[in-house]
Protein backbone atom coordinates (compact mmCIF):
# COMPACT_ATOMS: atom_id res chain seq x y z
CA UNK A 1 -5.85 -30.90 -34.99
CA UNK A 2 -3.72 -28.26 -34.01
CA UNK A 3 -3.92 -27.39 -30.32
CA UNK A 4 -4.34 -23.41 -28.98
CA UNK A 5 -1.51 -21.78 -27.93
CA UNK A 6 -1.96 -20.47 -24.24
CA UNK A 7 -1.93 -16.76 -23.86
CA UNK A 8 1.07 -15.65 -20.95
CA UNK A 9 -0.04 -12.47 -20.75
CA UNK A 10 -2.25 -12.87 -18.20
CA UNK A 11 0.16 -14.83 -16.33
CA UNK A 12 2.91 -11.68 -17.03
CA UNK A 13 0.00 -9.01 -16.11
CA UNK A 14 -0.55 -10.87 -12.28
CA UNK A 15 3.04 -11.31 -12.26
CA UNK A 16 3.86 -7.58 -12.61
CA UNK A 17 0.97 -6.23 -10.51
CA UNK A 18 2.28 -8.32 -7.42
CA UNK A 19 5.85 -7.36 -7.67
CA UNK A 20 4.92 -3.65 -8.10
CA UNK A 21 2.79 -4.31 -4.65
CA UNK A 22 5.33 -5.92 -2.97
CA UNK A 23 7.29 -3.28 -3.93
CA UNK A 24 5.38 -0.49 -2.74
CA UNK A 25 4.70 -2.85 0.89
CA UNK A 26 8.52 -2.86 1.19
CA UNK A 27 8.86 1.01 0.26
CA UNK A 28 6.51 1.76 2.87
CA UNK A 29 7.97 -0.12 5.79
CA UNK A 30 11.47 0.99 4.85
CA UNK A 31 10.08 4.78 5.23
CA UNK A 32 8.16 3.96 8.41
CA UNK A 33 11.46 2.47 9.97
CA UNK A 34 13.46 5.60 8.99
CA UNK A 35 10.95 8.08 10.14
CA UNK A 36 10.78 5.76 13.56
CA UNK A 37 14.48 5.70 14.06
CA UNK A 38 15.13 9.45 12.89
CA UNK A 39 12.28 10.65 15.31
CA UNK A 40 10.46 12.85 12.66
CA UNK A 41 7.50 13.35 14.76
CA UNK A 42 8.26 14.86 18.17
CA UNK A 43 6.27 12.67 20.97
CA UNK A 44 2.87 14.62 21.89
CA UNK A 45 2.52 15.68 25.58
CA UNK A 46 -0.37 15.27 27.70
CA UNK A 47 -1.80 18.94 26.68
CA UNK A 48 -2.01 18.01 23.15
CA UNK A 49 -3.03 14.45 23.74
CA UNK A 50 -5.90 16.09 25.91
CA UNK A 51 -7.04 18.34 22.97
CA UNK A 52 -7.47 15.57 20.20
CA UNK A 53 -9.22 13.53 22.76
CA UNK A 54 -11.71 15.99 23.12
CA UNK A 55 -11.92 16.52 19.45
CA UNK A 56 -12.36 13.33 18.62
CA UNK A 57 -15.08 12.74 21.74
CA UNK A 58 -17.27 15.79 20.78
CA UNK A 59 -19.33 15.24 17.99
CA UNK A 60 -20.30 18.46 15.80
C-alpha cells in the first residue's frame, strides 16, 4: 500500500505565525527602548501624580 503524504502546510503556517509574533515582540522592545532613551514622555511632577492617584482611587 502507498503511504499518505503528510501535509506540511500546518507546520509552515505555525512557523509563520511564530515568526510574525516574534517580530512584533522585537519591534515593541526596540520601540520601548528608543522611547526610553529619547525621553519621549516627561517625568511626572508630584501634583500630576497626586491627581492621577486621586482619580484612580475615587469611585464614580
